[in-house]
Amino acid sequence: MKRSFEGKSVIVIGASGGLGSSFAKAFADKGARLLLVGRNEEKVKKTAEQITGDITTAVFDITDLQSIEELKNIVKRWSAHIDIVVNASGYDVRKSLAEHSYEEAKNTLDINLLGAILITKAFLPHMREQTGSTIVHIGGFADGRLAFPYYSVDAASRAGLFTFIEAVNRELELEGSQARVAFFSPSPADTEAERPFHPLWRKMGVSIMPVEKVAEDLLKTIEKKKTVRIMGGMSTILFAKLNSISPKLADAIMMKNMEKCFNNFFTGQRIADSKSRIGIKEAISARLLSFLLLPRLFCMD
């Protein structure tokens, strides 16, 4: 087995989750020395027990400044340098905006966006001059800016993360730094947290990925020094790009159709077919692009 991360010092934040634990195992199998951190000490230690190699664990709260300072001190004792930080923590609420509580909205933004910003700010200064050093944040489906209905607050946090990463990488480029920050968007995976939503993904024709496959893709993304990686195939990537350029055209091609899936799944109500209000040129473009983009991502009744 090629041990492409032999001797690398890797921090996995959120290591007790379905994806975080799979990332930890994949890095260990490739020879990395690991610092696994998370809020639940028992779960983090359980992840460590299932892995062979140089493993250290720590308790950590991504939303707490004191916890971040404590983690920085732990890292200083653990390793003289940091090669890779993977932030696999996340908070995901999928429901109508009206049903969101204040606590749910705050937790979403604190963990998915503010937490990622604080982690980057804490560790980037120690990685700037190190060739190949990378901080990877795990984002939502597609590029984070694909605004599905009933994902409003989550989408806001993921889109904010994506643009934050773009801005930071431009700063690093201007400063001549060797470090980079990456946005990694996994396909829906076979994790405990995601399983309740598998029926919806399948209705839309989206494949559920084993966690091992997602971990393999993450490691390849880091090896190839990519700053954006979107799983799901070229059709997902193209549609995400189209959505960022023209949301109205994205609606015409697919969103109006997918509303049936989302509405039925989240509310249990079926809605009548509706036609989006677009111009003639957009209508022609939508018809042509519908044959090329995401032919499988349509609500299958």
C-alpha atoms as a PDB file:
ATOM      1  CA  MET A   1       0.000   0.000   0.000  1.00  0.00           C
ATOM      2  CA  LYS A   2       1.358   3.406  -0.968  1.00  0.00           C
ATOM      3  CA  ARG A   3       1.797   5.470   2.203  1.00  0.00           C
ATOM      4  CA  SER A   4       1.619   8.891   0.577  1.00  0.00           C
ATOM      5  CA  PHE A   5       1.114  10.733   3.896  1.00  0.00           C
ATOM      6  CA  GLU A   6       3.993   9.031   5.700  1.00  0.00           C
ATOM      7  CA  GLY A   7       5.228  11.269   8.510  1.00  0.00           C
ATOM      8  CA  LYS A   8       2.697  14.023   7.841  1.00  0.00           C
ATOM      9  CA  SER A   9       1.143  15.673  10.882  1.00  0.00           C
ATOM     10  CA  VAL A  10      -2.615  15.738  10.361  1.00  0.00           C
ATOM     11  CA  ILE A  11      -5.321  17.219  12.593  1.00  0.00           C
ATOM     12  CA  VAL A  12      -8.880  15.941  12.078  1.00  0.00           C
ATOM     13  CA  ILE A  13     -11.528  18.117  13.734  1.00  0.00           C
ATOM     14  CA  GLY A  14     -14.870  16.394  14.213  1.00  0.00           C
ATOM     15  CA  ALA A  15     -13.155  13.010  14.228  1.00  0.00           C
ATOM     16  CA  SER A  16     -16.011  11.242  15.993  1.00  0.00           C
ATOM     17  CA  GLY A  17     -18.531  11.754  13.160  1.00  0.00           C
ATOM     18  CA  GLY A  18     -19.220   9.345  10.322  1.00  0.00           C
ATOM     19  CA  LEU A  19     -17.066  11.205   7.820  1.00  0.00           C
ATOM     20  CA  GLY A  20     -14.492  12.440  10.346  1.00  0.00           C
ATOM     21  CA  SER A  21     -13.743   8.925  11.587  1.00  0.00           C
ATOM     22  CA  SER A  22     -13.422   7.633   8.013  1.00  0.00           C
ATOM     23  CA  PHE A  23     -10.998  10.470   7.198  1.00  0.00           C
ATOM     24  CA  ALA A  24      -8.925   9.573  10.255  1.00  0.00           C
ATOM     25  CA  LYS A  25      -8.690   5.926   9.237  1.00  0.00           C
ATOM     26  CA  ALA A  26      -7.764   6.816   5.649  1.00  0.00           C
ATOM     27  CA  PHE A  27      -4.931   9.116   6.788  1.00  0.00           C
ATOM     28  CA  ALA A  28      -3.652   6.504   9.245  1.00  0.00           C
ATOM     29  CA  ASP A  29      -3.622   3.857   6.511  1.00  0.00           C
ATOM     30  CA  LYS A  30      -1.465   6.224   4.433  1.00  0.00           C
ATOM     31  CA  GLY A  31       1.082   6.694   7.206  1.00  0.00           C
ATOM     32  CA  ALA A  32       0.037  10.003   8.782  1.00  0.00           C
ATOM     33  CA  ARG A  33       0.459  10.791  12.466  1.00  0.00           C
ATOM     34  CA  LEU A  34      -2.857  12.040  13.762  1.00  0.00           C
ATOM     35  CA  LEU A  35      -4.353  14.390  16.295  1.00  0.00           C
ATOM     36  CA  LEU A  36      -8.053  13.556  16.519  1.00  0.00           C
ATOM     37  CA  VAL A  37     -10.278  16.147  18.181  1.00  0.00           C
ATOM     38  CA  GLY A  38     -13.978  16.528  18.879  1.00  0.00           C
ATOM     39  CA  ARG A  39     -16.528  17.633  21.462  1.00  0.00           C
ATOM     40  CA  ASN A  40     -17.306  14.119  22.741  1.00  0.00           C
ATOM     41  CA  GLU A  41     -14.215  12.627  24.406  1.00  0.00           C
ATOM     42  CA  GLU A  42     -15.650   9.108  24.541  1.00  0.00           C
ATOM     43  CA  LYS A  43     -16.497   9.069  20.824  1.00  0.00           C
ATOM     44  CA  VAL A  44     -13.126  10.508  19.800  1.00  0.00           C
ATOM     45  CA  LYS A  45     -11.295   7.862  21.838  1.00  0.00           C
ATOM     46  CA  LYS A  46     -13.475   5.173  20.294  1.00  0.00           C
ATOM     47  CA  THR A  47     -12.426   6.382  16.827  1.00  0.00           C
ATOM     48  CA  ALA A  48      -8.771   6.270  17.913  1.00  0.00           C
ATOM     49  CA  GLU A  49      -9.130   2.713  19.221  1.00  0.00           C
ATOM     50  CA  GLN A  50     -10.247   1.547  15.788  1.00  0.00           C
ATOM     51  CA  ILE A  51      -7.121   2.918  14.088  1.00  0.00           C
ATOM     52  CA  THR A  52      -3.546   1.651  14.079  1.00  0.00           C
ATOM     53  CA  GLY A  53      -0.691   4.147  14.153  1.00  0.00           C
ATOM     54  CA  ASP A  54       0.570   7.287  15.883  1.00  0.00           C
ATOM     55  CA  ILE A  55      -2.706   8.655  17.285  1.00  0.00           C
ATOM     56  CA  THR A  56      -3.322  11.417  19.839  1.00  0.00           C
ATOM     57  CA  THR A  57      -6.761  12.647  20.956  1.00  0.00           C
ATOM     58  CA  ALA A  58      -8.086  15.887  22.449  1.00  0.00           C
ATOM     59  CA  VAL A  59     -11.438  17.412  23.393  1.00  0.00           C
ATOM     60  CA  PHE A  60     -12.371  20.522  21.462  1.00  0.00           C
ATOM     61  CA  ASP A  61     -15.310  22.880  20.871  1.00  0.00           C
ATOM     62  CA  ILE A  62     -15.062  24.699  17.531  1.00  0.00           C
ATOM     63  CA  THR A  63     -17.315  27.543  18.718  1.00  0.00           C
ATOM     64  CA  ASP A  64     -15.397  28.354  21.917  1.00  0.00           C
ATOM     65  CA  LEU A  65     -12.410  30.739  21.813  1.00  0.00           C
ATOM     66  CA  GLN A  66     -10.871  29.350  24.999  1.00  0.00           C
ATOM     67  CA  SER A  67     -11.140  25.823  23.580  1.00  0.00           C
ATOM     68  CA  ILE A  68      -9.369  26.972  20.406  1.00  0.00           C
ATOM     69  CA  GLU A  69      -6.507  28.472  22.474  1.00  0.00           C
ATOM     70  CA  GLU A  70      -6.229  25.236  24.446  1.00  0.00           C
ATOM     71  CA  LEU A  71      -6.093  23.235  21.221  1.00  0.00           C
ATOM     72  CA  LYS A  72      -3.318  25.482  19.891  1.00  0.00           C
ATOM     73  CA  ASN A  73      -1.291  24.717  23.023  1.00  0.00           C
ATOM     74  CA  ILE A  74      -1.934  21.001  22.635  1.00  0.00           C
ATOM     75  CA  VAL A  75      -0.805  21.166  19.004  1.00  0.00           C
ATOM     76  CA  LYS A  76       2.451  22.950  19.966  1.00  0.00           C
ATOM     77  CA  ARG A  77       3.303  20.061  22.307  1.00  0.00           C
ATOM     78  CA  TRP A  78       2.160  17.456  19.801  1.00  0.00           C
ATOM     79  CA  SER A  79       4.111  18.544  16.731  1.00  0.00           C
ATOM     80  CA  ALA A  80       6.707  21.077  15.620  1.00  0.00           C
ATOM     81  CA  HIS A  81       4.763  21.611  12.406  1.00  0.00           C
ATOM     82  CA  ILE A  82       1.273  21.098  10.964  1.00  0.00           C
ATOM     83  CA  ASP A  83       0.882  19.683   7.471  1.00  0.00           C
ATOM     84  CA  ILE A  84      -2.875  19.258   7.168  1.00  0.00           C
ATOM     85  CA  VAL A  85      -5.967  20.326   9.095  1.00  0.00           C
ATOM     86  CA  VAL A  86      -9.290  18.748   8.127  1.00  0.00           C
ATOM     87  CA  ASN A  87     -12.376  20.394   9.587  1.00  0.00           C
ATOM     88  CA  ALA A  88     -15.085  17.731   9.389  1.00  0.00           C
ATOM     89  CA  SER A  89     -17.333  19.338  12.001  1.00  0.00           C
ATOM     90  CA  GLY A  90     -20.769  20.450  10.897  1.00  0.00           C
ATOM     91  CA  TYR A  91     -24.288  21.292  12.021  1.00  0.00           C
ATOM     92  CA  ASP A  92     -27.085  20.558   9.597  1.00  0.00           C
ATOM     93  CA  VAL A  93     -30.744  21.555   9.984  1.00  0.00           C
ATOM     94  CA  ARG A  94     -33.039  20.998   7.013  1.00  0.00           C
ATOM     95  CA  LYS A  95     -36.503  22.438   7.466  1.00  0.00           C
ATOM     96  CA  SER A  96     -38.467  25.529   6.480  1.00  0.00           C
ATOM     97  CA  LEU A  97     -37.120  28.873   7.688  1.00  0.00           C
ATOM     98  CA  ALA A  98     -40.309  29.399   9.715  1.00  0.00           C
ATOM     99  CA  GLU A  99     -39.583  26.231  11.701  1.00  0.00           C
ATOM    100  CA  HIS A 100     -35.984  27.163  12.563  1.00  0.00           C
ATOM    101  CA  SER A 101     -35.429  28.087  16.183  1.00  0.00           C
ATOM    102  CA  TYR A 102     -32.997  30.829  17.121  1.00  0.00           C
ATOM    103  CA  GLU A 103     -30.672  28.212  18.629  1.00  0.00           C
ATOM    104  CA  GLU A 104     -30.681  26.130  15.432  1.00  0.00           C
ATOM    105  CA  ALA A 105     -29.908  29.127  13.242  1.00  0.00           C
ATOM    106  CA  LYS A 106     -27.150  30.306  15.588  1.00  0.00           C
ATOM    107  CA  ASN A 107     -25.571  26.851  15.890  1.00  0.00           C
ATOM    108  CA  THR A 108     -25.573  26.465  12.108  1.00  0.00           C
ATOM    109  CA  LEU A 109     -23.709  29.729  11.581  1.00  0.00           C
ATOM    110  CA  ASP A 110     -21.431  29.290  14.610  1.00  0.00           C
ATOM    111  CA  ILE A 111     -20.260  25.786  13.660  1.00  0.00           C
ATOM    112  CA  ASN A 112     -20.341  25.799   9.863  1.00  0.00           C
ATOM    113  CA  LEU A 113     -19.078  29.340   9.254  1.00  0.00           C
ATOM    114  CA  LEU A 114     -17.701  31.133  12.308  1.00  0.00           C
ATOM    115  CA  GLY A 115     -16.029  27.972  13.594  1.00  0.00           C
ATOM    116  CA  ALA A 116     -14.326  27.409  10.243  1.00  0.00           C
ATOM    117  CA  ILE A 117     -13.129  31.020  10.201  1.00  0.00           C
ATOM    118  CA  LEU A 118     -11.700  30.744  13.734  1.00  0.00           C
ATOM    119  CA  ILE A 119      -9.944  27.444  12.944  1.00  0.00           C
ATOM    120  CA  THR A 120      -8.369  28.946   9.823  1.00  0.00           C
ATOM    121  CA  LYS A 121      -7.276  32.050  11.711  1.00  0.00           C
ATOM    122  CA  ALA A 122      -5.780  29.953  14.514  1.00  0.00           C
ATOM    123  CA  PHE A 123      -3.678  27.564  12.430  1.00  0.00           C
ATOM    124  CA  LEU A 124      -2.896  29.333   9.169  1.00  0.00           C
ATOM    125  CA  PRO A 125      -0.106  31.537  10.654  1.00  0.00           C
ATOM    126  CA  HIS A 126       1.827  28.346  11.554  1.00  0.00           C
ATOM    127  CA  MET A 127       1.388  26.863   8.054  1.00  0.00           C
ATOM    128  CA  ARG A 128       2.034  29.850   5.761  1.00  0.00           C
ATOM    129  CA  GLU A 129       5.628  29.070   4.846  1.00  0.00           C
ATOM    130  CA  GLN A 130       5.249  25.307   4.690  1.00  0.00           C
ATOM    131  CA  THR A 131       5.038  23.915   1.159  1.00  0.00           C
ATOM    132  CA  GLY A 132       1.917  21.834   0.600  1.00  0.00           C
ATOM    133  CA  SER A 133       0.285  22.722   3.915  1.00  0.00           C
ATOM    134  CA  THR A 134      -3.491  22.637   3.645  1.00  0.00           C
ATOM    135  CA  ILE A 135      -6.585  23.412   5.700  1.00  0.00           C
ATOM    136  CA  VAL A 136      -9.643  21.615   4.330  1.00  0.00           C
ATOM    137  CA  HIS A 137     -13.204  22.504   5.311  1.00  0.00           C
ATOM    138  CA  ILE A 138     -15.993  20.043   4.523  1.00  0.00           C
ATOM    139  CA  GLY A 139     -18.853  21.912   2.848  1.00  0.00           C
ATOM    140  CA  GLY A 140     -22.371  21.104   1.714  1.00  0.00           C
ATOM    141  CA  PHE A 141     -23.638  19.568  -1.518  1.00  0.00           C
ATOM    142  CA  ALA A 142     -22.085  21.046  -4.679  1.00  0.00           C
ATOM    143  CA  ASP A 143     -20.262  24.331  -4.071  1.00  0.00           C
ATOM    144  CA  GLY A 144     -22.323  25.348  -1.060  1.00  0.00           C
ATOM    145  CA  ARG A 145     -24.122  28.023  -3.064  1.00  0.00           C
ATOM    146  CA  LEU A 146     -26.709  25.660  -4.517  1.00  0.00           C
ATOM    147  CA  ALA A 147     -29.676  26.983  -2.556  1.00  0.00           C
ATOM    148  CA  PHE A 148     -32.113  24.099  -2.160  1.00  0.00           C
ATOM    149  CA  PRO A 149     -35.478  24.880  -0.531  1.00  0.00           C
ATOM    150  CA  TYR A 150     -35.637  23.909   3.155  1.00  0.00           C
ATOM    151  CA  TYR A 151     -31.844  24.355   3.337  1.00  0.00           C
ATOM    152  CA  SER A 152     -31.896  28.137   3.740  1.00  0.00           C
ATOM    153  CA  VAL A 153     -29.768  28.643   6.867  1.00  0.00           C
ATOM    154  CA  ASP A 154     -27.479  25.728   6.069  1.00  0.00           C
ATOM    155  CA  ALA A 155     -26.987  27.056   2.530  1.00  0.00           C
ATOM    156  CA  ALA A 156     -26.174  30.513   3.919  1.00  0.00           C
ATOM    157  CA  SER A 157     -23.441  29.047   6.126  1.00  0.00           C
ATOM    158  CA  ARG A 158     -21.963  26.885   3.326  1.00  0.00           C
ATOM    159  CA  ALA A 159     -22.024  29.697   0.763  1.00  0.00           C
ATOM    160  CA  GLY A 160     -20.351  31.987   3.268  1.00  0.00           C
ATOM    161  CA  LEU A 161     -17.673  29.354   3.847  1.00  0.00           C
ATOM    162  CA  PHE A 162     -17.028  28.974   0.118  1.00  0.00           C
ATOM    163  CA  THR A 163     -16.519  32.697  -0.443  1.00  0.00           C
ATOM    164  CA  PHE A 164     -14.447  33.006   2.746  1.00  0.00           C
ATOM    165  CA  ILE A 165     -12.078  30.344   1.393  1.00  0.00           C
ATOM    166  CA  GLU A 166     -11.866  32.133  -1.974  1.00  0.00           C
ATOM    167  CA  ALA A 167     -10.897  35.390  -0.261  1.00  0.00           C
ATOM    168  CA  VAL A 168      -8.321  33.800   2.047  1.00  0.00           C
ATOM    169  CA  ASN A 169      -6.625  31.979  -0.851  1.00  0.00           C
ATOM    170  CA  ARG A 170      -6.349  35.270  -2.731  1.00  0.00           C
ATOM    171  CA  GLU A 171      -4.687  36.801   0.323  1.00  0.00           C
ATOM    172  CA  LEU A 172      -2.242  33.884   0.511  1.00  0.00           C
ATOM    173  CA  GLU A 173      -1.484  34.183  -3.199  1.00  0.00           C
ATOM    174  CA  LEU A 174      -0.756  37.896  -2.886  1.00  0.00           C
ATOM    175  CA  GLU A 175       1.500  37.278   0.096  1.00  0.00           C
ATOM    176  CA  GLY A 176       3.420  34.497  -1.650  1.00  0.00           C
ATOM    177  CA  SER A 177       2.405  31.927   0.961  1.00  0.00           C
ATOM    178  CA  GLN A 178       2.793  28.206   0.302  1.00  0.00           C
ATOM    179  CA  ALA A 179      -0.318  27.320   2.330  1.00  0.00           C
ATOM    180  CA  ARG A 180      -3.797  26.893   0.888  1.00  0.00           C
ATOM    181  CA  VAL A 181      -7.347  26.507   2.203  1.00  0.00           C
ATOM    182  CA  ALA A 182      -9.676  24.064   0.440  1.00  0.00           C
ATOM    183  CA  PHE A 183     -13.435  23.522   0.144  1.00  0.00           C
ATOM    184  CA  PHE A 184     -14.359  19.836  -0.122  1.00  0.00           C
ATOM    185  CA  SER A 185     -17.943  18.959  -1.022  1.00  0.00           C
ATOM    186  CA  PRO A 186     -18.728  15.266  -0.475  1.00  0.00           C
ATOM    187  CA  SER A 187     -21.506  13.360  -2.149  1.00  0.00           C
ATOM    188  CA  PRO A 188     -24.299  12.299   0.218  1.00  0.00           C
ATOM    189  CA  ALA A 189     -22.667   9.566   2.276  1.00  0.00           C
ATOM    190  CA  ASP A 190     -23.773   6.482   4.163  1.00  0.00           C
ATOM    191  CA  THR A 191     -23.536   8.020   7.626  1.00  0.00           C
ATOM    192  CA  GLU A 192     -25.926   7.930  10.565  1.00  0.00           C
ATOM    193  CA  ALA A 193     -26.603  11.667  10.235  1.00  0.00           C
ATOM    194  CA  GLU A 194     -27.353  11.487   6.506  1.00  0.00           C
ATOM    195  CA  ARG A 195     -29.440   8.286   6.410  1.00  0.00           C
ATOM    196  CA  PRO A 196     -32.774  10.010   7.182  1.00  0.00           C
ATOM    197  CA  PHE A 197     -32.309  11.983   3.941  1.00  0.00           C
ATOM    198  CA  HIS A 198     -31.302   9.035   1.717  1.00  0.00           C
ATOM    199  CA  PRO A 199     -34.861   8.624   0.361  1.00  0.00           C
ATOM    200  CA  LEU A 200     -34.826  12.250  -0.838  1.00  0.00           C
ATOM    201  CA  TRP A 201     -31.434  11.886  -2.548  1.00  0.00           C
ATOM    202  CA  ARG A 202     -32.565   8.686  -4.238  1.00  0.00           C
ATOM    203  CA  LYS A 203     -35.732  10.410  -5.447  1.00  0.00           C
ATOM    204  CA  MET A 204     -33.470  12.947  -7.123  1.00  0.00           C
ATOM    205  CA  GLY A 205     -31.320  10.206  -8.615  1.00  0.00           C
ATOM    206  CA  VAL A 206     -28.277  10.992  -6.462  1.00  0.00           C
ATOM    207  CA  SER A 207     -26.056   8.077  -5.481  1.00  0.00           C
ATOM    208  CA  ILE A 208     -25.206   7.465  -1.828  1.00  0.00           C
ATOM    209  CA  MET A 209     -21.459   7.055  -1.366  1.00  0.00           C
ATOM    210  CA  PRO A 210     -19.706   4.759   1.129  1.00  0.00           C
ATOM    211  CA  VAL A 211     -17.707   6.785   3.660  1.00  0.00           C
ATOM    212  CA  GLU A 212     -14.536   5.036   2.466  1.00  0.00           C
ATOM    213  CA  LYS A 213     -15.062   6.426  -1.038  1.00  0.00           C
ATOM    214  CA  VAL A 214     -15.531   9.960   0.300  1.00  0.00           C
ATOM    215  CA  ALA A 215     -12.352   9.634   2.378  1.00  0.00           C
ATOM    216  CA  GLU A 216     -10.411   8.374  -0.635  1.00  0.00           C
ATOM    217  CA  ASP A 217     -11.579  11.365  -2.647  1.00  0.00           C
ATOM    218  CA  LEU A 218     -10.586  13.777   0.130  1.00  0.00           C
ATOM    219  CA  LEU A 219      -7.040  12.422   0.272  1.00  0.00           C
ATOM    220  CA  LYS A 220      -6.693  12.644  -3.516  1.00  0.00           C
ATOM    221  CA  THR A 221      -7.905  16.258  -3.375  1.00  0.00           C
ATOM    222  CA  ILE A 222      -5.164  17.117  -0.879  1.00  0.00           C
ATOM    223  CA  GLU A 223      -2.498  15.235  -2.835  1.00  0.00           C
ATOM    224  CA  LYS A 224      -3.406  17.114  -6.020  1.00  0.00           C
ATOM    225  CA  LYS A 225      -3.411  20.442  -4.124  1.00  0.00           C
ATOM    226  CA  LYS A 226      -6.922  21.381  -5.245  1.00  0.00           C
ATOM    227  CA  THR A 227      -8.672  24.237  -3.461  1.00  0.00           C
ATOM    228  CA  VAL A 228     -12.180  23.205  -4.564  1.00  0.00           C
ATOM    229  CA  ARG A 229     -13.436  19.662  -4.971  1.00  0.00           C
ATOM    230  CA  ILE A 230     -17.069  18.840  -5.703  1.00  0.00           C
ATOM    231  CA  MET A 231     -18.044  15.182  -5.683  1.00  0.00           C
ATOM    232  CA  GLY A 232     -21.038  14.023  -7.694  1.00  0.00           C
ATOM    233  CA  GLY A 233     -19.632  14.035 -11.204  1.00  0.00           C
ATOM    234  CA  MET A 234     -19.302  16.608 -13.948  1.00  0.00           C
ATOM    235  CA  SER A 235     -23.053  17.206 -14.157  1.00  0.00           C
ATOM    236  CA  THR A 236     -23.180  18.364 -10.524  1.00  0.00           C
ATOM    237  CA  ILE A 237     -20.165  20.626 -11.057  1.00  0.00           C
ATOM    238  CA  LEU A 238     -21.638  22.166 -14.204  1.00  0.00           C
ATOM    239  CA  PHE A 239     -25.005  22.763 -12.599  1.00  0.00           C
ATOM    240  CA  ALA A 240     -23.372  24.400  -9.564  1.00  0.00           C
ATOM    241  CA  LYS A 241     -21.489  26.740 -11.903  1.00  0.00           C
ATOM    242  CA  LEU A 242     -24.651  27.489 -13.883  1.00  0.00           C
ATOM    243  CA  ASN A 243     -26.533  28.251 -10.665  1.00  0.00           C
ATOM    244  CA  SER A 244     -23.854  30.744  -9.602  1.00  0.00           C
ATOM    245  CA  ILE A 245     -24.062  32.513 -12.987  1.00  0.00           C
ATOM    246  CA  SER A 246     -27.830  32.466 -13.551  1.00  0.00           C
ATOM    247  CA  PRO A 247     -30.133  31.237 -10.760  1.00  0.00           C
ATOM    248  CA  LYS A 248     -33.148  31.926 -12.983  1.00  0.00           C
ATOM    249  CA  LEU A 249     -31.833  29.581 -15.672  1.00  0.00           C
ATOM    250  CA  ALA A 250     -31.016  27.006 -13.011  1.00  0.00           C
ATOM    251  CA  ASP A 251     -34.633  27.235 -11.848  1.00  0.00           C
ATOM    252  CA  ALA A 252     -35.869  26.705 -15.395  1.00  0.00           C
ATOM    253  CA  ILE A 253     -33.701  23.645 -15.986  1.00  0.00           C
ATOM    254  CA  MET A 254     -34.216  21.810 -12.790  1.00  0.00           C
ATOM    255  CA  MET A 255     -35.223  23.587  -9.585  1.00  0.00           C
ATOM    256  CA  LYS A 256     -38.907  23.894 -10.472  1.00  0.00           C
ATOM    257  CA  ASN A 257     -39.036  20.170 -11.117  1.00  0.00           C
ATOM    258  CA  MET A 258     -37.152  19.328  -7.936  1.00  0.00           C
ATOM    259  CA  GLU A 259     -39.546  21.397  -5.832  1.00  0.00           C
ATOM    260  CA  LYS A 260     -41.900  18.407  -6.003  1.00  0.00           C
ATOM    261  CA  CYS A 261     -39.306  16.214  -4.307  1.00  0.00           C
ATOM    262  CA  PHE A 262     -38.454  18.706  -1.593  1.00  0.00           C
ATOM    263  CA  ASN A 263     -42.034  19.721  -0.861  1.00  0.00           C
ATOM    264  CA  ASN A 264     -43.256  16.141  -0.659  1.00  0.00           C
ATOM    265  CA  PHE A 265     -40.326  15.050   1.534  1.00  0.00           C
ATOM    266  CA  PHE A 266     -40.382  17.944   4.002  1.00  0.00           C
ATOM    267  CA  THR A 267     -44.104  18.732   4.149  1.00  0.00           C
ATOM    268  CA  GLY A 268     -45.775  15.592   2.855  1.00  0.00           C
ATOM    269  CA  GLN A 269     -47.734  17.667   0.340  1.00  0.00           C
ATOM    270  CA  ARG A 270     -47.652  17.363  -3.424  1.00  0.00           C
ATOM    271  CA  ILE A 271     -47.622  20.505  -5.515  1.00  0.00           C
ATOM    272  CA  ALA A 272     -48.933  21.072  -8.994  1.00  0.00           C
ATOM    273  CA  ASP A 273     -46.573  21.538 -11.912  1.00  0.00           C
ATOM    274  CA  SER A 274     -45.479  25.140 -12.333  1.00  0.00           C
ATOM    275  CA  LYS A 275     -43.739  26.937 -15.130  1.00  0.00           C
ATOM    276  CA  SER A 276     -40.950  29.354 -14.342  1.00  0.00           C
ATOM    277  CA  ARG A 277     -41.226  32.865 -15.696  1.00  0.00           C
ATOM    278  CA  ILE A 278     -38.304  33.227 -18.077  1.00  0.00           C
ATOM    279  CA  GLY A 279     -37.680  34.920 -21.385  1.00  0.00           C
ATOM    280  CA  ILE A 280     -37.620  33.237 -24.802  1.00  0.00           C
ATOM    281  CA  LYS A 281     -33.809  33.062 -24.937  1.00  0.00           C
ATOM    282  CA  GLU A 282     -33.636  31.562 -21.481  1.00  0.00           C
ATOM    283  CA  ALA A 283     -36.363  29.064 -22.360  1.00  0.00           C
ATOM    284  CA  ILE A 284     -34.416  27.890 -25.428  1.00  0.00           C
ATOM    285  CA  SER A 285     -31.198  27.681 -23.408  1.00  0.00           C
ATOM    286  CA  ALA A 286     -32.975  25.755 -20.688  1.00  0.00           C
ATOM    287  CA  ARG A 287     -34.317  23.226 -23.182  1.00  0.00           C
ATOM    288  CA  LEU A 288     -30.873  22.656 -24.687  1.00  0.00           C
ATOM    289  CA  LEU A 289     -29.047  22.520 -21.391  1.00  0.00           C
ATOM    290  CA  SER A 290     -31.581  20.152 -19.883  1.00  0.00           C
ATOM    291  CA  PHE A 291     -30.299  17.488 -22.267  1.00  0.00           C
ATOM    292  CA  LEU A 292     -26.726  18.095 -21.112  1.00  0.00           C
ATOM    293  CA  LEU A 293     -26.923  18.983 -17.433  1.00  0.00           C
ATOM    294  CA  LEU A 294     -28.027  16.675 -14.675  1.00  0.00           C
ATOM    295  CA  PRO A 295     -30.371  14.396 -16.593  1.00  0.00           C
ATOM    296  CA  ARG A 296     -30.489  12.210 -13.498  1.00  0.00           C
ATOM    297  CA  LEU A 297     -31.142  14.971 -10.968  1.00  0.00           C
ATOM    298  CA  PHE A 298     -34.870  15.278 -11.521  1.00  0.00           C
ATOM    299  CA  CYS A 299     -37.607  14.352  -9.119  1.00  0.00           C
ATOM    300  CA  MET A 300     -38.659  10.806  -9.888  1.00  0.00           C
ATOM    301  CA  ASP A 301     -42.222  10.286  -8.716  1.00  0.00           C
END
